[in-house]
Amino acid sequence: MSQTCSIRRTSKFKKGIFVVAGTISLGLGVVGVFLPILPTTPFLLLSAACYYKGSERMHRWLLNNKWLGDYIRNYKEGKGISPMGKVFTLVLLWITICYSVFFMLNEYILQIVLFAIAIAVTLHVITLPTFRKS
């Protein structure tokens, strides 16, 4: 087998790994939209990076996606997230954290940890630039 054929196969294998990793990351990011304990933005950015390395078609699809494309592009370009995006994120975050703390957990340490995470995420979201459409 020639070395050129071996290099092409490795390249296709690596691209396949990037596509699989990007798809898993995308799934986690989408779950993170509804489950604030999972961070949405890092998973979506990781998906974009993996798709960039693995599949130009998947990368283009993600950036042009009706629900996620603007979010990823605005964040990557440093424009931030929309005011409604911030409100949605924070409301869902606090509903989920409060439900977990008051109805699911009896351990004070875990309750404190969840509140600390919620406060840290809240501060992060508040300090992000607010993107307003012109």
N, C-alpha and C. Protein backbone atom coordinates (compact mmCIF):
# COMPACT_ATOMS: atom_id res chain seq x y z
N MET A 1 0.86 -1.18 0.00
CA MET A 1 0.00 0.00 0.00
C MET A 1 0.90 1.23 0.00
N SER A 2 0.57 2.19 -0.82
CA SER A 2 1.39 3.39 -0.90
C SER A 2 1.13 4.30 0.29
N GLN A 3 2.11 5.13 0.55
CA GLN A 3 1.98 6.06 1.68
C GLN A 3 0.89 7.09 1.43
N THR A 4 0.69 7.49 0.17
CA THR A 4 -0.35 8.46 -0.16
C THR A 4 -1.72 7.93 0.21
N CYS A 5 -1.97 6.67 -0.09
CA CYS A 5 -3.25 6.06 0.25
C CYS A 5 -3.44 6.02 1.76
N SER A 6 -2.37 5.71 2.48
CA SER A 6 -2.42 5.66 3.95
C SER A 6 -2.72 7.04 4.54
N ILE A 7 -2.12 8.09 3.96
CA ILE A 7 -2.36 9.45 4.45
C ILE A 7 -3.81 9.85 4.20
N ARG A 8 -4.36 9.53 3.03
CA ARG A 8 -5.75 9.86 2.74
C ARG A 8 -6.71 9.16 3.69
N ARG A 9 -6.44 7.88 3.97
CA ARG A 9 -7.31 7.12 4.85
C ARG A 9 -7.27 7.71 6.26
N THR A 10 -6.08 8.06 6.74
CA THR A 10 -5.96 8.67 8.06
C THR A 10 -6.70 9.99 8.09
N SER A 11 -6.58 10.76 7.03
CA SER A 11 -7.26 12.04 6.97
C SER A 11 -8.78 11.85 7.02
N LYS A 12 -9.30 10.88 6.28
CA LYS A 12 -10.73 10.61 6.30
C LYS A 12 -11.15 10.10 7.68
N PHE A 13 -10.30 9.29 8.30
CA PHE A 13 -10.60 8.78 9.64
C PHE A 13 -10.66 9.94 10.64
N LYS A 14 -9.69 10.84 10.59
CA LYS A 14 -9.68 11.99 11.49
C LYS A 14 -10.90 12.87 11.26
N LYS A 15 -11.24 13.09 10.01
CA LYS A 15 -12.43 13.89 9.71
C LYS A 15 -13.67 13.24 10.28
N GLY A 16 -13.76 11.93 10.17
CA GLY A 16 -14.89 11.20 10.73
C GLY A 16 -14.97 11.35 12.25
N ILE A 17 -13.82 11.30 12.90
CA ILE A 17 -13.77 11.48 14.36
C ILE A 17 -14.26 12.89 14.71
N PHE A 18 -13.82 13.89 13.96
CA PHE A 18 -14.26 15.27 14.21
C PHE A 18 -15.77 15.41 14.02
N VAL A 19 -16.32 14.76 13.00
CA VAL A 19 -17.76 14.84 12.76
C VAL A 19 -18.53 14.17 13.90
N VAL A 20 -18.06 13.01 14.34
CA VAL A 20 -18.72 12.32 15.46
C VAL A 20 -18.63 13.17 16.72
N ALA A 21 -17.44 13.70 17.01
CA ALA A 21 -17.28 14.54 18.21
C ALA A 21 -18.15 15.79 18.12
N GLY A 22 -18.23 16.38 16.94
CA GLY A 22 -19.06 17.56 16.74
C GLY A 22 -20.54 17.25 16.94
N THR A 23 -20.96 16.09 16.49
CA THR A 23 -22.36 15.71 16.63
C THR A 23 -22.71 15.43 18.09
N ILE A 24 -21.82 14.76 18.80
CA ILE A 24 -22.04 14.51 20.23
C ILE A 24 -22.09 15.84 20.98
N SER A 25 -21.15 16.72 20.67
CA SER A 25 -21.11 18.03 21.31
C SER A 25 -22.37 18.84 20.99
N LEU A 26 -22.83 18.76 19.76
CA LEU A 26 -24.06 19.46 19.37
C LEU A 26 -25.24 18.93 20.17
N GLY A 27 -25.32 17.62 20.31
CA GLY A 27 -26.40 17.03 21.11
C GLY A 27 -26.37 17.52 22.55
N LEU A 28 -25.18 17.56 23.14
CA LEU A 28 -25.06 18.06 24.51
C LEU A 28 -25.42 19.54 24.60
N GLY A 29 -25.03 20.31 23.58
CA GLY A 29 -25.37 21.73 23.56
C GLY A 29 -26.86 21.97 23.47
N VAL A 30 -27.54 21.17 22.65
CA VAL A 30 -28.99 21.31 22.52
C VAL A 30 -29.68 20.90 23.82
N VAL A 31 -29.21 19.83 24.45
CA VAL A 31 -29.76 19.43 25.76
C VAL A 31 -29.52 20.55 26.77
N GLY A 32 -28.36 21.20 26.67
CA GLY A 32 -28.03 22.30 27.57
C GLY A 32 -28.95 23.50 27.45
N VAL A 33 -29.61 23.63 26.31
CA VAL A 33 -30.59 24.72 26.16
C VAL A 33 -31.73 24.52 27.15
N PHE A 34 -32.10 23.28 27.37
CA PHE A 34 -33.24 22.96 28.23
C PHE A 34 -32.83 22.54 29.64
N LEU A 35 -31.57 22.19 29.82
CA LEU A 35 -31.07 21.75 31.11
C LEU A 35 -29.87 22.64 31.47
N PRO A 36 -30.10 23.72 32.18
CA PRO A 36 -29.05 24.72 32.39
C PRO A 36 -27.80 24.24 33.11
N ILE A 37 -27.84 23.05 33.68
CA ILE A 37 -26.64 22.53 34.33
C ILE A 37 -25.58 22.22 33.28
N LEU A 38 -26.00 21.89 32.06
CA LEU A 38 -25.06 21.68 30.96
C LEU A 38 -24.81 23.02 30.27
N PRO A 39 -23.56 23.36 30.05
CA PRO A 39 -23.28 24.65 29.39
C PRO A 39 -23.51 24.56 27.88
N THR A 40 -24.41 25.34 27.37
CA THR A 40 -24.76 25.30 25.95
C THR A 40 -23.65 25.87 25.07
N THR A 41 -23.21 27.06 25.37
CA THR A 41 -22.28 27.77 24.48
C THR A 41 -20.98 27.00 24.22
N PRO A 42 -20.28 26.50 25.24
CA PRO A 42 -19.04 25.77 24.93
C PRO A 42 -19.27 24.56 24.04
N PHE A 43 -20.37 23.84 24.26
CA PHE A 43 -20.65 22.68 23.42
C PHE A 43 -20.95 23.08 21.99
N LEU A 44 -21.69 24.17 21.79
CA LEU A 44 -21.99 24.61 20.43
C LEU A 44 -20.74 25.11 19.72
N LEU A 45 -19.88 25.82 20.45
CA LEU A 45 -18.63 26.29 19.85
C LEU A 45 -17.70 25.12 19.53
N LEU A 46 -17.68 24.11 20.41
CA LEU A 46 -16.90 22.91 20.13
C LEU A 46 -17.44 22.20 18.90
N SER A 47 -18.75 22.14 18.75
CA SER A 47 -19.36 21.53 17.56
C SER A 47 -18.92 22.26 16.30
N ALA A 48 -18.96 23.59 16.36
CA ALA A 48 -18.55 24.38 15.19
C ALA A 48 -17.09 24.11 14.85
N ALA A 49 -16.23 24.03 15.86
CA ALA A 49 -14.80 23.76 15.62
C ALA A 49 -14.60 22.36 15.05
N CYS A 50 -15.29 21.39 15.60
CA CYS A 50 -15.15 20.01 15.10
C CYS A 50 -15.66 19.89 13.67
N TYR A 51 -16.80 20.48 13.40
CA TYR A 51 -17.33 20.44 12.04
C TYR A 51 -16.41 21.18 11.07
N TYR A 52 -15.79 22.25 11.53
CA TYR A 52 -14.85 22.99 10.68
C TYR A 52 -13.70 22.08 10.24
N LYS A 53 -13.23 21.26 11.19
CA LYS A 53 -12.12 20.34 10.88
C LYS A 53 -12.59 19.09 10.14
N GLY A 54 -13.85 18.68 10.37
CA GLY A 54 -14.28 17.40 9.84
C GLY A 54 -15.14 17.44 8.59
N SER A 55 -15.98 18.46 8.47
CA SER A 55 -16.92 18.49 7.34
C SER A 55 -17.34 19.91 7.05
N GLU A 56 -16.93 20.39 5.89
CA GLU A 56 -17.31 21.74 5.49
C GLU A 56 -18.84 21.86 5.38
N ARG A 57 -19.49 20.81 4.91
CA ARG A 57 -20.95 20.81 4.76
C ARG A 57 -21.64 20.92 6.13
N MET A 58 -21.18 20.15 7.12
CA MET A 58 -21.78 20.20 8.46
C MET A 58 -21.52 21.55 9.13
N HIS A 59 -20.32 22.09 8.92
CA HIS A 59 -19.98 23.40 9.49
C HIS A 59 -20.89 24.48 8.92
N ARG A 60 -21.05 24.45 7.60
CA ARG A 60 -21.93 25.43 6.94
C ARG A 60 -23.37 25.27 7.43
N TRP A 61 -23.83 24.00 7.56
CA TRP A 61 -25.18 23.74 8.05
C TRP A 61 -25.38 24.31 9.45
N LEU A 62 -24.40 24.10 10.33
CA LEU A 62 -24.53 24.58 11.71
C LEU A 62 -24.57 26.11 11.75
N LEU A 63 -23.69 26.77 11.02
CA LEU A 63 -23.66 28.24 11.03
C LEU A 63 -24.88 28.85 10.36
N ASN A 64 -25.54 28.11 9.49
CA ASN A 64 -26.74 28.61 8.82
C ASN A 64 -28.02 28.05 9.43
N ASN A 65 -27.88 27.31 10.52
CA ASN A 65 -29.04 26.72 11.18
C ASN A 65 -29.98 27.79 11.69
N LYS A 66 -31.27 27.55 11.50
CA LYS A 66 -32.31 28.53 11.88
C LYS A 66 -32.25 28.91 13.35
N TRP A 67 -32.00 27.96 14.24
CA TRP A 67 -32.04 28.22 15.69
C TRP A 67 -30.68 28.48 16.31
N LEU A 68 -29.63 27.87 15.77
CA LEU A 68 -28.32 27.96 16.42
C LEU A 68 -27.31 28.83 15.69
N GLY A 69 -27.51 29.04 14.39
CA GLY A 69 -26.52 29.74 13.58
C GLY A 69 -26.19 31.14 14.05
N ASP A 70 -27.21 31.96 14.25
CA ASP A 70 -26.98 33.34 14.70
C ASP A 70 -26.29 33.36 16.07
N TYR A 71 -26.74 32.48 16.95
CA TYR A 71 -26.19 32.40 18.30
C TYR A 71 -24.68 32.13 18.25
N ILE A 72 -24.28 31.15 17.45
CA ILE A 72 -22.86 30.79 17.35
C ILE A 72 -22.07 31.90 16.68
N ARG A 73 -22.57 32.42 15.56
CA ARG A 73 -21.83 33.47 14.85
C ARG A 73 -21.66 34.72 15.72
N ASN A 74 -22.73 35.15 16.37
CA ASN A 74 -22.65 36.36 17.21
C ASN A 74 -21.68 36.16 18.37
N TYR A 75 -21.70 34.99 18.97
CA TYR A 75 -20.79 34.72 20.09
C TYR A 75 -19.35 34.69 19.61
N LYS A 76 -19.09 33.99 18.49
CA LYS A 76 -17.72 33.89 17.95
C LYS A 76 -17.18 35.25 17.53
N GLU A 77 -18.05 36.10 17.03
CA GLU A 77 -17.61 37.43 16.56
C GLU A 77 -17.53 38.43 17.70
N GLY A 78 -17.83 38.01 18.92
CA GLY A 78 -17.74 38.89 20.08
C GLY A 78 -18.92 39.84 20.22
N LYS A 79 -19.99 39.59 19.46
CA LYS A 79 -21.16 40.47 19.54
C LYS A 79 -22.02 40.16 20.75
N GLY A 80 -21.89 38.95 21.30
CA GLY A 80 -22.65 38.57 22.48
C GLY A 80 -23.92 37.84 22.15
N ILE A 81 -24.86 37.87 23.10
CA ILE A 81 -26.15 37.21 22.90
C ILE A 81 -27.27 38.23 23.08
N SER A 82 -28.41 37.89 22.52
CA SER A 82 -29.54 38.82 22.54
C SER A 82 -30.08 39.00 23.95
N PRO A 83 -30.76 40.14 24.21
CA PRO A 83 -31.37 40.33 25.53
C PRO A 83 -32.35 39.21 25.87
N MET A 84 -33.14 38.78 24.88
CA MET A 84 -34.09 37.69 25.12
C MET A 84 -33.35 36.39 25.42
N GLY A 85 -32.22 36.18 24.75
CA GLY A 85 -31.41 34.99 25.02
C GLY A 85 -30.89 34.97 26.45
N LYS A 86 -30.47 36.15 26.92
CA LYS A 86 -30.00 36.26 28.30
C LYS A 86 -31.13 35.97 29.29
N VAL A 87 -32.28 36.58 29.04
CA VAL A 87 -33.43 36.38 29.94
C VAL A 87 -33.84 34.91 29.95
N PHE A 88 -33.97 34.31 28.77
CA PHE A 88 -34.36 32.90 28.67
C PHE A 88 -33.37 32.02 29.41
N THR A 89 -32.08 32.26 29.19
CA THR A 89 -31.04 31.46 29.84
C THR A 89 -31.13 31.57 31.35
N LEU A 90 -31.25 32.79 31.86
CA LEU A 90 -31.25 32.98 33.31
C LEU A 90 -32.53 32.47 33.97
N VAL A 91 -33.66 32.66 33.33
CA VAL A 91 -34.91 32.16 33.90
C VAL A 91 -34.88 30.63 33.96
N LEU A 92 -34.48 30.00 32.86
CA LEU A 92 -34.42 28.55 32.84
C LEU A 92 -33.38 28.02 33.82
N LEU A 93 -32.26 28.70 33.90
CA LEU A 93 -31.22 28.31 34.86
C LEU A 93 -31.76 28.31 36.28
N TRP A 94 -32.38 29.40 36.70
CA TRP A 94 -32.83 29.52 38.08
C TRP A 94 -34.02 28.62 38.39
N ILE A 95 -34.90 28.40 37.43
CA ILE A 95 -36.01 27.46 37.64
C ILE A 95 -35.45 26.06 37.88
N THR A 96 -34.52 25.65 37.04
CA THR A 96 -33.95 24.32 37.16
C THR A 96 -33.16 24.15 38.45
N ILE A 97 -32.35 25.14 38.78
CA ILE A 97 -31.53 25.05 40.00
C ILE A 97 -32.44 25.04 41.23
N CYS A 98 -33.40 25.93 41.28
CA CYS A 98 -34.30 25.98 42.45
C CYS A 98 -35.11 24.70 42.59
N TYR A 99 -35.60 24.19 41.49
CA TYR A 99 -36.35 22.92 41.55
C TYR A 99 -35.45 21.81 42.10
N SER A 100 -34.22 21.74 41.57
CA SER A 100 -33.30 20.71 42.03
C SER A 100 -32.97 20.85 43.51
N VAL A 101 -32.70 22.08 43.95
CA VAL A 101 -32.31 22.31 45.33
C VAL A 101 -33.47 22.04 46.29
N PHE A 102 -34.65 22.51 45.96
CA PHE A 102 -35.75 22.42 46.91
C PHE A 102 -36.54 21.11 46.85
N PHE A 103 -36.53 20.44 45.70
CA PHE A 103 -37.35 19.24 45.57
C PHE A 103 -36.57 17.95 45.31
N MET A 104 -35.33 18.05 44.89
CA MET A 104 -34.59 16.85 44.51
C MET A 104 -33.44 16.50 45.46
N LEU A 105 -32.90 17.49 46.14
CA LEU A 105 -31.70 17.26 46.96
C LEU A 105 -31.98 17.52 48.44
N ASN A 106 -31.40 16.68 49.26
CA ASN A 106 -31.47 16.88 50.70
C ASN A 106 -30.11 17.19 51.29
N GLU A 107 -29.08 17.13 50.49
CA GLU A 107 -27.70 17.38 50.94
C GLU A 107 -27.39 18.88 50.85
N TYR A 108 -27.07 19.47 51.99
CA TYR A 108 -26.79 20.91 52.01
C TYR A 108 -25.58 21.28 51.16
N ILE A 109 -24.56 20.44 51.17
CA ILE A 109 -23.36 20.74 50.38
C ILE A 109 -23.71 20.80 48.89
N LEU A 110 -24.48 19.84 48.40
CA LEU A 110 -24.88 19.85 46.98
C LEU A 110 -25.75 21.06 46.66
N GLN A 111 -26.62 21.43 47.58
CA GLN A 111 -27.46 22.61 47.37
C GLN A 111 -26.60 23.86 47.26
N ILE A 112 -25.62 23.98 48.12
CA ILE A 112 -24.71 25.13 48.08
C ILE A 112 -23.91 25.14 46.78
N VAL A 113 -23.44 23.97 46.36
CA VAL A 113 -22.68 23.88 45.11
C VAL A 113 -23.54 24.30 43.92
N LEU A 114 -24.79 23.83 43.87
CA LEU A 114 -25.67 24.23 42.77
C LEU A 114 -25.95 25.73 42.76
N PHE A 115 -26.18 26.30 43.94
CA PHE A 115 -26.38 27.75 43.99
C PHE A 115 -25.11 28.50 43.56
N ALA A 116 -23.95 28.00 43.94
CA ALA A 116 -22.69 28.63 43.54
C ALA A 116 -22.53 28.57 42.01
N ILE A 117 -22.87 27.42 41.42
CA ILE A 117 -22.81 27.30 39.97
C ILE A 117 -23.78 28.26 39.31
N ALA A 118 -24.99 28.35 39.85
CA ALA A 118 -26.00 29.25 39.28
C ALA A 118 -25.54 30.70 39.36
N ILE A 119 -24.94 31.08 40.47
CA ILE A 119 -24.43 32.45 40.61
C ILE A 119 -23.31 32.71 39.62
N ALA A 120 -22.39 31.75 39.47
CA ALA A 120 -21.27 31.92 38.53
C ALA A 120 -21.78 32.03 37.09
N VAL A 121 -22.72 31.18 36.72
CA VAL A 121 -23.27 31.23 35.35
C VAL A 121 -24.03 32.54 35.14
N THR A 122 -24.77 32.97 36.14
CA THR A 122 -25.50 34.24 36.05
C THR A 122 -24.54 35.40 35.82
N LEU A 123 -23.47 35.44 36.58
CA LEU A 123 -22.48 36.51 36.41
C LEU A 123 -21.85 36.46 35.02
N HIS A 124 -21.57 35.26 34.56
CA HIS A 124 -20.99 35.12 33.22
C HIS A 124 -21.95 35.64 32.14
N VAL A 125 -23.21 35.23 32.23
CA VAL A 125 -24.20 35.64 31.23
C VAL A 125 -24.41 37.15 31.26
N ILE A 126 -24.48 37.71 32.47
CA ILE A 126 -24.69 39.16 32.59
C ILE A 126 -23.53 39.94 32.01
N THR A 127 -22.31 39.43 32.17
CA THR A 127 -21.13 40.17 31.68
C THR A 127 -20.88 39.99 30.19
N LEU A 128 -21.58 39.05 29.55
CA LEU A 128 -21.43 38.90 28.10
C LEU A 128 -21.99 40.14 27.41
N PRO A 129 -21.40 40.50 26.28
CA PRO A 129 -21.97 41.62 25.53
C PRO A 129 -23.41 41.30 25.12
N THR A 130 -24.24 42.33 25.07
CA THR A 130 -25.62 42.15 24.65
C THR A 130 -25.72 42.54 23.18
N PHE A 131 -26.16 41.58 22.37
CA PHE A 131 -26.27 41.79 20.94
C PHE A 131 -27.65 42.34 20.62
N ARG A 132 -27.69 43.49 19.95
CA ARG A 132 -28.95 44.07 19.52
C ARG A 132 -28.92 44.21 18.01
N LYS A 133 -29.96 43.73 17.36
CA LYS A 133 -30.03 43.83 15.90
C LYS A 133 -30.21 45.29 15.51
N SER A 134 -29.53 45.69 14.46
CA SER A 134 -29.61 47.09 14.01
C SER A 134 -30.78 47.29 13.09
